[in-house]
Structure formats: structure tokens, C-alpha cells
């Protein structure tokens, strides 16, 4: 087997395409021949030791995969050789073979390609949990998405529209705005790369205007930094601000804003929720597969690379140039 290994903390250029012994099946696991792996922002952090999970080196990054079961470990039921599965792996996914805990595997619906499956559960799982479980988004409400052209942001656009919300997509370029429109966003905002106080006030006013003037019911913040406060200031009465990620930095929020608006700041830690509420996670996955089968959601894969070119894919991700999803395909 081969794997793209991180042998020392550093950027994508430090990864090494390495020959390794073929693994044997492990008790409680499925041995999977990986066909595709999704690329996500945490992959750029984990190789630098900047993620909350720090696996011992050497390790392969890659938190979600899709592939074929080639062996079933002892103690596993409900799976057979030849089953097509997707799985959250945390790390290890940038490899041709991988032992996956059977409890983290999900059978892929018929008709879903491996590439779609490998780009499905992380983004749609996060955004469905955020909008359904944490924000309790309702039809007719307004939804502002910061970082709307990225993987979780694009998924949030589709899921917001499926829920019947008015979707405002905030992005950093006109190209990304056009992409969000193609996904169904009702309105788009192009925010500047840097914000001073005047620019923050202007951005907040624009968010309010596009919401209809009363403010935004739900903010989905996958950016953080200086963009969070203008969005919170644009919240409607009893609005909900979803904390999803911080590629622009961890913001400092004046908490008086939540008092004045009767609003909530709500954390979205989907990975932990999967383990704490497996029944709810299974229900959400079933709903997502149903929406996929109905054509209401579909991963927008903007770039595909062979797995040995993972560094190029990660550079796109860390430079915030990705629209939708990037996938790696195994040889």
C-alpha cells in the first residue's frame, strides 16, 4: 500500500508519498481499499500540529474516505467483502488502504460515485447538524453564510434552501459569488479582504439590508476573524449565531450585543456530536442521503487530484481558493 505521510510538522510540501506494508484486518474494523478521499480545512491544520487532535507520527492526514471493503475484522456484523462504504477517519485517509472502525462506516447508496461519497459526510453532516440541530432553522427565516463558497458553506446554501430559508451568501470574490448563486443563494455579498471599523459597520448594514431590514435570523460563520462582529450586529431579535470555524482567526465578541438582541451564540462541534448522539447522527445521515437521491443536494467538486498530489490540493485549501470540494483519487 501507499500513503501520503506527515513525518514532521509543516506545510503540505512536507508530505511524503511512501510505500508501507499492506495492513491486515483488525478486530472491530473494516479493511478498506480507498478509492477517494475528501480534502478539508482540518487536514491543513493537523499536519502542522495546529488541530485539536495530534496523532503520533508518521501519519497520513485525511478525515473522510470512500472505498470498498476488502476484509472484515473479527466481531463485525452487517458488512461483507465488496460493500461500498464511506467513513470519517479523523486522519489516515490519504492512503490506498485503511482499517476503519465498523462503527464509523456507512454504506454508500446505490448510484453515488466514490468521489461524491468521499466529499459528502463531512460538509453536509456539519451543515445539517448546524442548521437543523443547533439553529433549528425554519422556513421563511433568513440565513447569512460567511465563507459560503467553501465546502461547508456550499453545503449550507443547499441545505438552507432545502429548509425554505432566504439565503445570503458572503464571500471574498465575484467569482465565488457567482458560484454561490449557481447553488441557489438568493443574495450575495463580496466582503473585503481586510476590515477596519468603518468597513465593519458598512458590511453589517449591508447584511441587514439584504435580510429585508429587520436583521438576519441565523448566521453560519465558517470564517471568524473580523467578519464575525459585523454579522452578530446584523442579527435579528432572538437571532442565532453559529460558530463553525476560524480560518480568519478567533474573534473577540462584545457580549453586550447578545443581550441587546436577545440572541444566542451557538457552538457547532459536529465531530463530537457524532459520538455523543449516534442515533441523531444516523437520522441526519438518512435525511441527507434522501435529499441526495432527490437531487436537492450534491457535492460540488471543483478540483480532483491523484492522491500523490495531495500537497497541491492542500495548498488550494489553505489559501482559501477552493469553491465547493476538492477530492483525491487513489491509484
C-alpha atoms as a PDB file:
ATOM      1  CA  UNK A   1       0.000   0.000   0.000  1.00  0.00           C
ATOM      2  CA  UNK A   2       0.956   3.666  -0.280  1.00  0.00           C
ATOM      3  CA  UNK A   3       0.205   6.631   1.946  1.00  0.00           C
ATOM      4  CA  UNK A   4       0.878  10.343   1.961  1.00  0.00           C
ATOM      5  CA  UNK A   5       2.711  10.657   5.286  1.00  0.00           C
ATOM      6  CA  UNK A   6       3.414  13.557   7.585  1.00  0.00           C
ATOM      7  CA  UNK A   7       6.809  12.815   9.144  1.00  0.00           C
ATOM      8  CA  UNK A   8       7.400  16.239  10.748  1.00  0.00           C
ATOM      9  CA  UNK A   9       5.221  19.286  11.500  1.00  0.00           C
ATOM     10  CA  UNK A  10       4.944  21.556   8.500  1.00  0.00           C
ATOM     11  CA  UNK A  11       3.007  22.569   5.421  1.00  0.00           C
ATOM     12  CA  UNK A  12       1.778  20.436   2.504  1.00  0.00           C
ATOM     13  CA  UNK A  13       5.272  20.367   0.992  1.00  0.00           C
ATOM     14  CA  UNK A  14       6.468  18.189   3.900  1.00  0.00           C
ATOM     15  CA  UNK A  15       4.195  15.250   2.998  1.00  0.00           C
ATOM     16  CA  UNK A  16       5.852  12.152   1.539  1.00  0.00           C
ATOM     17  CA  UNK A  17       4.281   9.533  -0.760  1.00  0.00           C
ATOM     18  CA  UNK A  18       5.509   6.382   0.962  1.00  0.00           C
ATOM     19  CA  UNK A  19       5.408   2.609   0.464  1.00  0.00           C
ATOM     20  CA  UNK A  20       4.096   0.736   3.509  1.00  0.00           C
ATOM     21  CA  UNK A  21       3.320  -2.930   4.290  1.00  0.00           C
ATOM     22  CA  UNK A  22      -0.195  -3.988   3.383  1.00  0.00           C
ATOM     23  CA  UNK A  23      -2.342  -3.925   6.544  1.00  0.00           C
ATOM     24  CA  UNK A  24      -4.131  -6.929   7.998  1.00  0.00           C
ATOM     25  CA  UNK A  25      -7.765  -6.692   9.100  1.00  0.00           C
ATOM     26  CA  UNK A  26      -8.218  -5.566  12.720  1.00  0.00           C
ATOM     27  CA  UNK A  27     -10.855  -6.723  15.183  1.00  0.00           C
ATOM     28  CA  UNK A  28     -13.923  -4.497  15.057  1.00  0.00           C
ATOM     29  CA  UNK A  29     -12.724  -2.857  11.836  1.00  0.00           C
ATOM     30  CA  UNK A  30     -13.266  -2.992   8.106  1.00  0.00           C
ATOM     31  CA  UNK A  31     -10.194  -3.140   5.883  1.00  0.00           C
ATOM     32  CA  UNK A  32     -10.974  -0.752   3.042  1.00  0.00           C
ATOM     33  CA  UNK A  33      -9.417  -0.225  -0.363  1.00  0.00           C
ATOM     34  CA  UNK A  34      -9.693   3.540  -0.570  1.00  0.00           C
ATOM     35  CA  UNK A  35     -10.976   4.876  -3.884  1.00  0.00           C
ATOM     36  CA  UNK A  36     -11.348   8.572  -2.983  1.00  0.00           C
ATOM     37  CA  UNK A  37     -10.635  10.909  -0.076  1.00  0.00           C
ATOM     38  CA  UNK A  38     -12.165  14.300   0.614  1.00  0.00           C
ATOM     39  CA  UNK A  39      -9.911  17.253   1.414  1.00  0.00           C
ATOM     40  CA  UNK A  40     -10.980  19.510   4.293  1.00  0.00           C
ATOM     41  CA  UNK A  41      -9.545  22.505   6.122  1.00  0.00           C
ATOM     42  CA  UNK A  42      -8.581  20.466   9.232  1.00  0.00           C
ATOM     43  CA  UNK A  43      -6.186  18.491   7.006  1.00  0.00           C
ATOM     44  CA  UNK A  44      -4.132  21.672   6.604  1.00  0.00           C
ATOM     45  CA  UNK A  45      -4.000  22.128  10.388  1.00  0.00           C
ATOM     46  CA  UNK A  46      -3.314  18.584  11.561  1.00  0.00           C
ATOM     47  CA  UNK A  47      -0.048  18.337   9.592  1.00  0.00           C
ATOM     48  CA  UNK A  48       1.174  21.491  11.385  1.00  0.00           C
ATOM     49  CA  UNK A  49       0.135  20.227  14.847  1.00  0.00           C
ATOM     50  CA  UNK A  50      -2.453  23.033  14.983  1.00  0.00           C
ATOM     51  CA  UNK A  51      -5.527  20.804  15.232  1.00  0.00           C
ATOM     52  CA  UNK A  52      -7.105  19.582  18.478  1.00  0.00           C
ATOM     53  CA  UNK A  53      -6.191  16.023  17.516  1.00  0.00           C
ATOM     54  CA  UNK A  54      -2.426  15.337  17.265  1.00  0.00           C
ATOM     55  CA  UNK A  55      -1.781  11.774  16.062  1.00  0.00           C
ATOM     56  CA  UNK A  56       1.689  10.287  16.552  1.00  0.00           C
ATOM     57  CA  UNK A  57       3.950  10.485  13.514  1.00  0.00           C
ATOM     58  CA  UNK A  58       4.283   9.270  10.934  1.00  0.00           C
ATOM     59  CA  UNK A  59       0.616   9.560   9.972  1.00  0.00           C
ATOM     60  CA  UNK A  60      -1.425  10.317   6.887  1.00  0.00           C
ATOM     61  CA  UNK A  61      -3.895  13.199   7.014  1.00  0.00           C
ATOM     62  CA  UNK A  62      -7.355  12.715   5.551  1.00  0.00           C
ATOM     63  CA  UNK A  63     -10.533  12.716   7.622  1.00  0.00           C
ATOM     64  CA  UNK A  64     -13.081  11.238   5.201  1.00  0.00           C
ATOM     65  CA  UNK A  65     -12.839   8.451   2.667  1.00  0.00           C
ATOM     66  CA  UNK A  66     -14.915   6.276   0.374  1.00  0.00           C
ATOM     67  CA  UNK A  67     -13.923   2.825  -0.764  1.00  0.00           C
ATOM     68  CA  UNK A  68     -14.570  -0.906  -0.982  1.00  0.00           C
ATOM     69  CA  UNK A  69     -14.441  -3.383   1.897  1.00  0.00           C
ATOM     70  CA  UNK A  70     -11.754  -5.994   1.153  1.00  0.00           C
ATOM     71  CA  UNK A  71     -11.762  -7.757   4.539  1.00  0.00           C
ATOM     72  CA  UNK A  72     -13.995  -7.818   7.615  1.00  0.00           C
ATOM     73  CA  UNK A  73     -12.388  -7.938  11.052  1.00  0.00           C
ATOM     74  CA  UNK A  74     -13.496 -10.243  13.864  1.00  0.00           C
ATOM     75  CA  UNK A  75     -16.563  -9.133  15.745  1.00  0.00           C
ATOM     76  CA  UNK A  76     -18.044  -7.131  12.872  1.00  0.00           C
ATOM     77  CA  UNK A  77     -21.533  -7.875  11.590  1.00  0.00           C
ATOM     78  CA  UNK A  78     -23.641  -6.225   8.917  1.00  0.00           C
ATOM     79  CA  UNK A  79     -20.804  -5.791   6.424  1.00  0.00           C
ATOM     80  CA  UNK A  80     -19.318  -8.045   3.750  1.00  0.00           C
ATOM     81  CA  UNK A  81     -16.402  -8.012   1.333  1.00  0.00           C
ATOM     82  CA  UNK A  82     -17.372  -5.868  -1.642  1.00  0.00           C
ATOM     83  CA  UNK A  83     -19.538  -3.407   0.279  1.00  0.00           C
ATOM     84  CA  UNK A  84     -19.101   0.214  -0.766  1.00  0.00           C
ATOM     85  CA  UNK A  85     -18.700   2.478   2.264  1.00  0.00           C
ATOM     86  CA  UNK A  86     -17.827   5.990   3.322  1.00  0.00           C
ATOM     87  CA  UNK A  87     -16.303   6.792   6.689  1.00  0.00           C
ATOM     88  CA  UNK A  88     -14.998   9.549   8.898  1.00  0.00           C
ATOM     89  CA  UNK A  89     -11.438   8.665   9.795  1.00  0.00           C
ATOM     90  CA  UNK A  90     -10.074  11.694  11.648  1.00  0.00           C
ATOM     91  CA  UNK A  91      -6.769  11.032   9.906  1.00  0.00           C
ATOM     92  CA  UNK A  92      -5.242   8.283   7.774  1.00  0.00           C
ATOM     93  CA  UNK A  93      -7.461   8.782   4.744  1.00  0.00           C
ATOM     94  CA  UNK A  94      -4.748   9.851   2.298  1.00  0.00           C
ATOM     95  CA  UNK A  95      -3.766   6.224   1.716  1.00  0.00           C
ATOM     96  CA  UNK A  96      -4.655   3.361  -0.586  1.00  0.00           C
ATOM     97  CA  UNK A  97      -5.681   1.045   2.274  1.00  0.00           C
ATOM     98  CA  UNK A  98      -7.078   1.722   5.714  1.00  0.00           C
ATOM     99  CA  UNK A  99      -8.633  -0.102   8.658  1.00  0.00           C
ATOM    100  CA  UNK A 100     -11.824   1.750   9.567  1.00  0.00           C
ATOM    101  CA  UNK A 101     -13.827   1.138  12.765  1.00  0.00           C
ATOM    102  CA  UNK A 102     -17.039  -0.530  11.649  1.00  0.00           C
ATOM    103  CA  UNK A 103     -18.986   1.873  13.850  1.00  0.00           C
ATOM    104  CA  UNK A 104     -17.789   4.842  11.778  1.00  0.00           C
ATOM    105  CA  UNK A 105     -18.617   3.314   8.387  1.00  0.00           C
ATOM    106  CA  UNK A 106     -21.793   3.957   6.403  1.00  0.00           C
ATOM    107  CA  UNK A 107     -22.868   2.025   3.314  1.00  0.00           C
ATOM    108  CA  UNK A 108     -22.955   4.195   0.199  1.00  0.00           C
ATOM    109  CA  UNK A 109     -26.314   4.403  -1.565  1.00  0.00           C
ATOM    110  CA  UNK A 110     -26.552   2.783  -4.974  1.00  0.00           C
ATOM    111  CA  UNK A 111     -25.752   5.283  -7.690  1.00  0.00           C
ATOM    112  CA  UNK A 112     -23.483   7.505  -5.564  1.00  0.00           C
ATOM    113  CA  UNK A 113     -19.964   7.639  -7.065  1.00  0.00           C
ATOM    114  CA  UNK A 114     -16.985   7.210  -4.747  1.00  0.00           C
ATOM    115  CA  UNK A 115     -15.916  10.808  -5.421  1.00  0.00           C
ATOM    116  CA  UNK A 116     -19.286  12.174  -4.243  1.00  0.00           C
ATOM    117  CA  UNK A 117     -19.274   9.837  -1.247  1.00  0.00           C
ATOM    118  CA  UNK A 118     -15.800  10.981  -0.177  1.00  0.00           C
ATOM    119  CA  UNK A 119     -16.942  14.628  -0.293  1.00  0.00           C
ATOM    120  CA  UNK A 120     -20.298  14.128   1.384  1.00  0.00           C
ATOM    121  CA  UNK A 121     -20.434  13.391   5.063  1.00  0.00           C
ATOM    122  CA  UNK A 122     -18.020  15.975   6.498  1.00  0.00           C
ATOM    123  CA  UNK A 123     -19.535  19.044   4.850  1.00  0.00           C
ATOM    124  CA  UNK A 124     -23.203  18.051   4.717  1.00  0.00           C
ATOM    125  CA  UNK A 125     -23.004  16.410   8.132  1.00  0.00           C
ATOM    126  CA  UNK A 126     -21.568  19.573   9.664  1.00  0.00           C
ATOM    127  CA  UNK A 127     -24.026  21.919   7.992  1.00  0.00           C
ATOM    128  CA  UNK A 128     -27.110  19.758   8.571  1.00  0.00           C
ATOM    129  CA  UNK A 129     -26.227  19.422  12.259  1.00  0.00           C
ATOM    130  CA  UNK A 130     -25.622  23.173  12.449  1.00  0.00           C
ATOM    131  CA  UNK A 131     -28.808  24.309  10.733  1.00  0.00           C
ATOM    132  CA  UNK A 132     -31.181  21.598  11.950  1.00  0.00           C
ATOM    133  CA  UNK A 133     -29.952  20.664  15.423  1.00  0.00           C
ATOM    134  CA  UNK A 134     -28.197  23.810  16.622  1.00  0.00           C
ATOM    135  CA  UNK A 135     -30.029  26.694  14.891  1.00  0.00           C
ATOM    136  CA  UNK A 136     -33.379  24.968  14.337  1.00  0.00           C
ATOM    137  CA  UNK A 137     -33.666  26.907  11.079  1.00  0.00           C
ATOM    138  CA  UNK A 138     -37.277  27.390   9.949  1.00  0.00           C
ATOM    139  CA  UNK A 139     -38.872  28.003   6.583  1.00  0.00           C
ATOM    140  CA  UNK A 140     -39.178  31.708   5.881  1.00  0.00           C
ATOM    141  CA  UNK A 141     -36.205  32.694   8.048  1.00  0.00           C
ATOM    142  CA  UNK A 142     -33.091  34.407   6.697  1.00  0.00           C
ATOM    143  CA  UNK A 143     -29.707  32.685   6.750  1.00  0.00           C
ATOM    144  CA  UNK A 144     -26.386  34.520   6.325  1.00  0.00           C
ATOM    145  CA  UNK A 145     -23.424  32.277   5.469  1.00  0.00           C
ATOM    146  CA  UNK A 146     -19.868  33.587   5.879  1.00  0.00           C
ATOM    147  CA  UNK A 147     -17.364  31.700   3.725  1.00  0.00           C
ATOM    148  CA  UNK A 148     -20.249  30.465   1.605  1.00  0.00           C
ATOM    149  CA  UNK A 149     -18.160  29.183  -1.320  1.00  0.00           C
ATOM    150  CA  UNK A 150     -16.169  26.683   0.759  1.00  0.00           C
ATOM    151  CA  UNK A 151     -17.143  23.073   1.397  1.00  0.00           C
ATOM    152  CA  UNK A 152     -19.318  23.515   4.489  1.00  0.00           C
ATOM    153  CA  UNK A 153     -20.579  26.887   3.235  1.00  0.00           C
ATOM    154  CA  UNK A 154     -21.714  25.475  -0.104  1.00  0.00           C
ATOM    155  CA  UNK A 155     -23.455  22.634   1.722  1.00  0.00           C
ATOM    156  CA  UNK A 156     -25.155  25.191   3.983  1.00  0.00           C
ATOM    157  CA  UNK A 157     -26.508  27.053   0.937  1.00  0.00           C
ATOM    158  CA  UNK A 158     -28.158  23.906  -0.418  1.00  0.00           C
ATOM    159  CA  UNK A 159     -29.470  22.820   2.969  1.00  0.00           C
ATOM    160  CA  UNK A 160     -30.718  26.313   3.782  1.00  0.00           C
ATOM    161  CA  UNK A 161     -32.691  26.417   0.549  1.00  0.00           C
ATOM    162  CA  UNK A 162     -33.996  22.887   1.178  1.00  0.00           C
ATOM    163  CA  UNK A 163     -35.266  24.137   4.567  1.00  0.00           C
ATOM    164  CA  UNK A 164     -37.091  27.035   2.899  1.00  0.00           C
ATOM    165  CA  UNK A 165     -34.839  29.845   4.140  1.00  0.00           C
ATOM    166  CA  UNK A 166     -33.752  33.016   2.375  1.00  0.00           C
ATOM    167  CA  UNK A 167     -30.002  32.513   1.874  1.00  0.00           C
ATOM    168  CA  UNK A 168     -27.461  35.354   1.826  1.00  0.00           C
ATOM    169  CA  UNK A 169     -24.005  34.146   0.775  1.00  0.00           C
ATOM    170  CA  UNK A 170     -20.998  36.220   1.884  1.00  0.00           C
ATOM    171  CA  UNK A 171     -17.724  35.565   0.029  1.00  0.00           C
ATOM    172  CA  UNK A 172     -14.398  37.183  -0.863  1.00  0.00           C
ATOM    173  CA  UNK A 173     -14.689  37.469  -4.680  1.00  0.00           C
ATOM    174  CA  UNK A 174     -17.158  37.951  -7.504  1.00  0.00           C
ATOM    175  CA  UNK A 175     -16.198  34.526  -8.867  1.00  0.00           C
ATOM    176  CA  UNK A 176     -17.216  32.928  -5.574  1.00  0.00           C
ATOM    177  CA  UNK A 177     -20.416  34.981  -5.528  1.00  0.00           C
ATOM    178  CA  UNK A 178     -21.370  33.612  -8.948  1.00  0.00           C
ATOM    179  CA  UNK A 179     -20.639  30.093  -7.697  1.00  0.00           C
ATOM    180  CA  UNK A 180     -22.959  30.616  -4.718  1.00  0.00           C
ATOM    181  CA  UNK A 181     -25.701  31.927  -6.991  1.00  0.00           C
ATOM    182  CA  UNK A 182     -25.400  28.732  -9.027  1.00  0.00           C
ATOM    183  CA  UNK A 183     -26.062  26.774  -5.819  1.00  0.00           C
ATOM    184  CA  UNK A 184     -29.269  28.684  -5.161  1.00  0.00           C
ATOM    185  CA  UNK A 185     -28.227  31.621  -2.947  1.00  0.00           C
ATOM    186  CA  UNK A 186     -30.831  34.392  -3.056  1.00  0.00           C
ATOM    187  CA  UNK A 187     -28.363  37.218  -2.365  1.00  0.00           C
ATOM    188  CA  UNK A 188     -24.582  37.551  -2.311  1.00  0.00           C
ATOM    189  CA  UNK A 189     -22.149  39.911  -0.607  1.00  0.00           C
ATOM    190  CA  UNK A 190     -18.481  40.302  -1.532  1.00  0.00           C
ATOM    191  CA  UNK A 191     -16.612  41.358   1.602  1.00  0.00           C
ATOM    192  CA  UNK A 192     -13.133  42.969   1.576  1.00  0.00           C
ATOM    193  CA  UNK A 193     -10.009  41.039   2.468  1.00  0.00           C
ATOM    194  CA  UNK A 194      -9.371  43.356   5.413  1.00  0.00           C
ATOM    195  CA  UNK A 195     -11.825  45.271   7.599  1.00  0.00           C
ATOM    196  CA  UNK A 196     -11.367  48.469   9.588  1.00  0.00           C
ATOM    197  CA  UNK A 197     -14.164  49.744  11.860  1.00  0.00           C
ATOM    198  CA  UNK A 198     -15.848  51.744   9.095  1.00  0.00           C
ATOM    199  CA  UNK A 199     -15.775  48.744   6.773  1.00  0.00           C
ATOM    200  CA  UNK A 200     -17.232  46.546   9.528  1.00  0.00           C
ATOM    201  CA  UNK A 201     -20.126  48.967  10.018  1.00  0.00           C
ATOM    202  CA  UNK A 202     -20.780  49.147   6.278  1.00  0.00           C
ATOM    203  CA  UNK A 203     -20.724  45.357   5.994  1.00  0.00           C
ATOM    204  CA  UNK A 204     -23.154  44.954   8.888  1.00  0.00           C
ATOM    205  CA  UNK A 205     -25.533  47.463   7.278  1.00  0.00           C
ATOM    206  CA  UNK A 206     -25.375  45.537   4.010  1.00  0.00           C
ATOM    207  CA  UNK A 207     -26.188  42.269   5.787  1.00  0.00           C
ATOM    208  CA  UNK A 208     -29.231  43.916   7.393  1.00  0.00           C
ATOM    209  CA  UNK A 209     -30.379  45.448   4.117  1.00  0.00           C
ATOM    210  CA  UNK A 210     -30.257  42.134   2.281  1.00  0.00           C
ATOM    211  CA  UNK A 211     -32.175  40.434   5.083  1.00  0.00           C
ATOM    212  CA  UNK A 212     -35.087  42.791   4.491  1.00  0.00           C
ATOM    213  CA  UNK A 213     -34.118  45.354   7.089  1.00  0.00           C
ATOM    214  CA  UNK A 214     -35.005  43.537  10.290  1.00  0.00           C
ATOM    215  CA  UNK A 215     -31.777  41.611  10.565  1.00  0.00           C
ATOM    216  CA  UNK A 216     -30.690  38.038   9.930  1.00  0.00           C
ATOM    217  CA  UNK A 217     -32.309  35.149  11.803  1.00  0.00           C
ATOM    218  CA  UNK A 218     -29.323  32.788  11.580  1.00  0.00           C
ATOM    219  CA  UNK A 219     -25.640  33.422  10.860  1.00  0.00           C
ATOM    220  CA  UNK A 220     -23.461  30.484   9.814  1.00  0.00           C
ATOM    221  CA  UNK A 221     -19.883  31.629  10.455  1.00  0.00           C
ATOM    222  CA  UNK A 222     -17.222  29.449   8.877  1.00  0.00           C
ATOM    223  CA  UNK A 223     -14.701  32.343   8.725  1.00  0.00           C
ATOM    224  CA  UNK A 224     -14.345  34.076  12.102  1.00  0.00           C
ATOM    225  CA  UNK A 225     -11.818  36.892  12.499  1.00  0.00           C
ATOM    226  CA  UNK A 226     -13.022  40.453  11.891  1.00  0.00           C
ATOM    227  CA  UNK A 227     -16.066  39.219   9.969  1.00  0.00           C
ATOM    228  CA  UNK A 228     -17.877  37.774  12.989  1.00  0.00           C
ATOM    229  CA  UNK A 229     -18.775  41.014  14.780  1.00  0.00           C
ATOM    230  CA  UNK A 230     -20.475  42.678  11.768  1.00  0.00           C
ATOM    231  CA  UNK A 231     -22.568  39.541  11.327  1.00  0.00           C
ATOM    232  CA  UNK A 232     -23.583  39.475  15.004  1.00  0.00           C
ATOM    233  CA  UNK A 233     -24.513  43.165  14.810  1.00  0.00           C
ATOM    234  CA  UNK A 234     -26.741  42.263  11.846  1.00  0.00           C
ATOM    235  CA  UNK A 235     -28.704  39.628  13.805  1.00  0.00           C
ATOM    236  CA  UNK A 236     -32.452  39.988  14.217  1.00  0.00           C
ATOM    237  CA  UNK A 237     -34.159  39.776  17.601  1.00  0.00           C
ATOM    238  CA  UNK A 238     -33.593  36.238  19.013  1.00  0.00           C
ATOM    239  CA  UNK A 239     -31.156  35.532  16.157  1.00  0.00           C
ATOM    240  CA  UNK A 240     -28.716  32.609  16.341  1.00  0.00           C
ATOM    241  CA  UNK A 241     -25.015  32.901  15.531  1.00  0.00           C
ATOM    242  CA  UNK A 242     -23.417  29.559  14.644  1.00  0.00           C
ATOM    243  CA  UNK A 243     -19.703  29.210  15.419  1.00  0.00           C
ATOM    244  CA  UNK A 244     -18.363  26.802  12.778  1.00  0.00           C
ATOM    245  CA  UNK A 245     -14.696  27.684  12.110  1.00  0.00           C
ATOM    246  CA  UNK A 246     -11.958  30.293  12.304  1.00  0.00           C
ATOM    247  CA  UNK A 247      -9.713  30.343   9.200  1.00  0.00           C
ATOM    248  CA  UNK A 248      -9.521  34.152   9.577  1.00  0.00           C
ATOM    249  CA  UNK A 249      -8.731  33.895  13.300  1.00  0.00           C
ATOM    250  CA  UNK A 250     -10.668  33.512  16.566  1.00  0.00           C
ATOM    251  CA  UNK A 251     -12.863  36.602  17.033  1.00  0.00           C
ATOM    252  CA  UNK A 252     -13.374  38.609  20.229  1.00  0.00           C
ATOM    253  CA  UNK A 253     -17.074  39.418  20.579  1.00  0.00           C
ATOM    254  CA  UNK A 254     -18.608  42.187  22.749  1.00  0.00           C
ATOM    255  CA  UNK A 255     -21.162  40.135  24.682  1.00  0.00           C
ATOM    256  CA  UNK A 256     -23.448  43.126  25.174  1.00  0.00           C
ATOM    257  CA  UNK A 257     -24.524  42.532  21.565  1.00  0.00           C
ATOM    258  CA  UNK A 258     -26.200  39.263  22.544  1.00  0.00           C
ATOM    259  CA  UNK A 259     -28.088  40.983  25.388  1.00  0.00           C
ATOM    260  CA  UNK A 260     -29.356  43.809  23.192  1.00  0.00           C
ATOM    261  CA  UNK A 261     -30.704  41.399  20.583  1.00  0.00           C
ATOM    262  CA  UNK A 262     -31.822  38.538  22.820  1.00  0.00           C
ATOM    263  CA  UNK A 263     -29.588  36.462  20.586  1.00  0.00           C
ATOM    264  CA  UNK A 264     -27.569  33.278  21.003  1.00  0.00           C
ATOM    265  CA  UNK A 265     -24.001  32.329  20.148  1.00  0.00           C
ATOM    266  CA  UNK A 266     -24.133  28.595  19.448  1.00  0.00           C
ATOM    267  CA  UNK A 267     -21.138  26.294  19.058  1.00  0.00           C
ATOM    268  CA  UNK A 268     -21.116  23.712  16.268  1.00  0.00           C
ATOM    269  CA  UNK A 269     -18.825  20.779  17.069  1.00  0.00           C
ATOM    270  CA  UNK A 270     -20.207  18.192  14.703  1.00  0.00           C
ATOM    271  CA  UNK A 271     -17.421  15.652  15.236  1.00  0.00           C
ATOM    272  CA  UNK A 272     -18.186  15.425  18.952  1.00  0.00           C
ATOM    273  CA  UNK A 273     -21.930  15.264  18.320  1.00  0.00           C
ATOM    274  CA  UNK A 274     -21.467  12.193  16.120  1.00  0.00           C
ATOM    275  CA  UNK A 275     -20.039  10.266  19.076  1.00  0.00           C
ATOM    276  CA  UNK A 276     -22.296  11.774  21.747  1.00  0.00           C
ATOM    277  CA  UNK A 277     -25.528  11.279  19.795  1.00  0.00           C
ATOM    278  CA  UNK A 278     -25.063   8.373  17.355  1.00  0.00           C
ATOM    279  CA  UNK A 279     -28.820   7.917  16.971  1.00  0.00           C
ATOM    280  CA  UNK A 280     -29.272  11.548  15.949  1.00  0.00           C
ATOM    281  CA  UNK A 281     -26.287  11.288  13.592  1.00  0.00           C
ATOM    282  CA  UNK A 282     -27.757   8.204  11.912  1.00  0.00           C
ATOM    283  CA  UNK A 283     -31.058  10.039  11.466  1.00  0.00           C
ATOM    284  CA  UNK A 284     -29.303  13.016   9.915  1.00  0.00           C
ATOM    285  CA  UNK A 285     -27.292  10.829   7.524  1.00  0.00           C
ATOM    286  CA  UNK A 286     -30.512   9.132   6.406  1.00  0.00           C
ATOM    287  CA  UNK A 287     -32.080  12.524   5.711  1.00  0.00           C
ATOM    288  CA  UNK A 288     -29.017  13.640   3.747  1.00  0.00           C
ATOM    289  CA  UNK A 289     -28.994  10.501   1.606  1.00  0.00           C
ATOM    290  CA  UNK A 290     -32.684  11.068   0.870  1.00  0.00           C
ATOM    291  CA  UNK A 291     -32.016  14.660  -0.211  1.00  0.00           C
ATOM    292  CA  UNK A 292     -29.124  13.438  -2.404  1.00  0.00           C
ATOM    293  CA  UNK A 293     -31.370  10.851  -4.059  1.00  0.00           C
ATOM    294  CA  UNK A 294     -33.949  13.584  -4.708  1.00  0.00           C
ATOM    295  CA  UNK A 295     -31.312  15.793  -6.334  1.00  0.00           C
ATOM    296  CA  UNK A 296     -31.683  18.525  -3.707  1.00  0.00           C
ATOM    297  CA  UNK A 297     -28.032  18.335  -2.635  1.00  0.00           C
ATOM    298  CA  UNK A 298     -24.901  17.224  -4.469  1.00  0.00           C
ATOM    299  CA  UNK A 299     -21.213  17.827  -3.667  1.00  0.00           C
ATOM    300  CA  UNK A 300     -19.748  20.472  -5.967  1.00  0.00           C
ATOM    301  CA  UNK A 301     -16.300  19.064  -6.713  1.00  0.00           C
ATOM    302  CA  UNK A 302     -14.225  21.869  -8.188  1.00  0.00           C
ATOM    303  CA  UNK A 303     -10.915  20.009  -8.396  1.00  0.00           C
ATOM    304  CA  UNK A 304      -9.664  16.416  -8.385  1.00  0.00           C
ATOM    305  CA  UNK A 305      -6.067  15.272  -7.873  1.00  0.00           C
ATOM    306  CA  UNK A 306      -4.287  11.922  -7.752  1.00  0.00           C
ATOM    307  CA  UNK A 307      -3.536  11.109  -4.134  1.00  0.00           C
ATOM    308  CA  UNK A 308       0.216  11.541  -4.607  1.00  0.00           C
ATOM    309  CA  UNK A 309      -0.509  15.212  -5.451  1.00  0.00           C
ATOM    310  CA  UNK A 310      -2.238  15.859  -2.130  1.00  0.00           C
ATOM    311  CA  UNK A 311       0.081  18.809  -1.430  1.00  0.00           C
ATOM    312  CA  UNK A 312      -1.419  20.760  -4.338  1.00  0.00           C
ATOM    313  CA  UNK A 313      -4.936  20.128  -3.047  1.00  0.00           C
ATOM    314  CA  UNK A 314      -3.980  21.212   0.477  1.00  0.00           C
ATOM    315  CA  UNK A 315      -2.350  24.388  -0.842  1.00  0.00           C
ATOM    316  CA  UNK A 316      -5.633  25.300  -2.540  1.00  0.00           C
ATOM    317  CA  UNK A 317      -7.454  24.684   0.721  1.00  0.00           C
ATOM    318  CA  UNK A 318      -5.130  26.676   2.977  1.00  0.00           C
ATOM    319  CA  UNK A 319      -5.033  29.586   0.511  1.00  0.00           C
ATOM    320  CA  UNK A 320      -8.858  29.684   0.615  1.00  0.00           C
ATOM    321  CA  UNK A 321      -9.109  29.238  -3.146  1.00  0.00           C
ATOM    322  CA  UNK A 322     -11.455  26.249  -3.030  1.00  0.00           C
ATOM    323  CA  UNK A 323     -15.031  26.543  -4.244  1.00  0.00           C
ATOM    324  CA  UNK A 324     -17.065  23.589  -3.074  1.00  0.00           C
ATOM    325  CA  UNK A 325     -14.949  20.483  -2.551  1.00  0.00           C
ATOM    326  CA  UNK A 326     -11.610  19.003  -3.601  1.00  0.00           C
ATOM    327  CA  UNK A 327     -11.164  15.253  -3.870  1.00  0.00           C
ATOM    328  CA  UNK A 328      -8.147  12.923  -4.074  1.00  0.00           C
ATOM    329  CA  UNK A 329      -8.359   9.694  -6.049  1.00  0.00           C
ATOM    330  CA  UNK A 330      -6.305   6.661  -5.103  1.00  0.00           C
ATOM    331  CA  UNK A 331      -4.280   4.732  -7.716  1.00  0.00           C
END
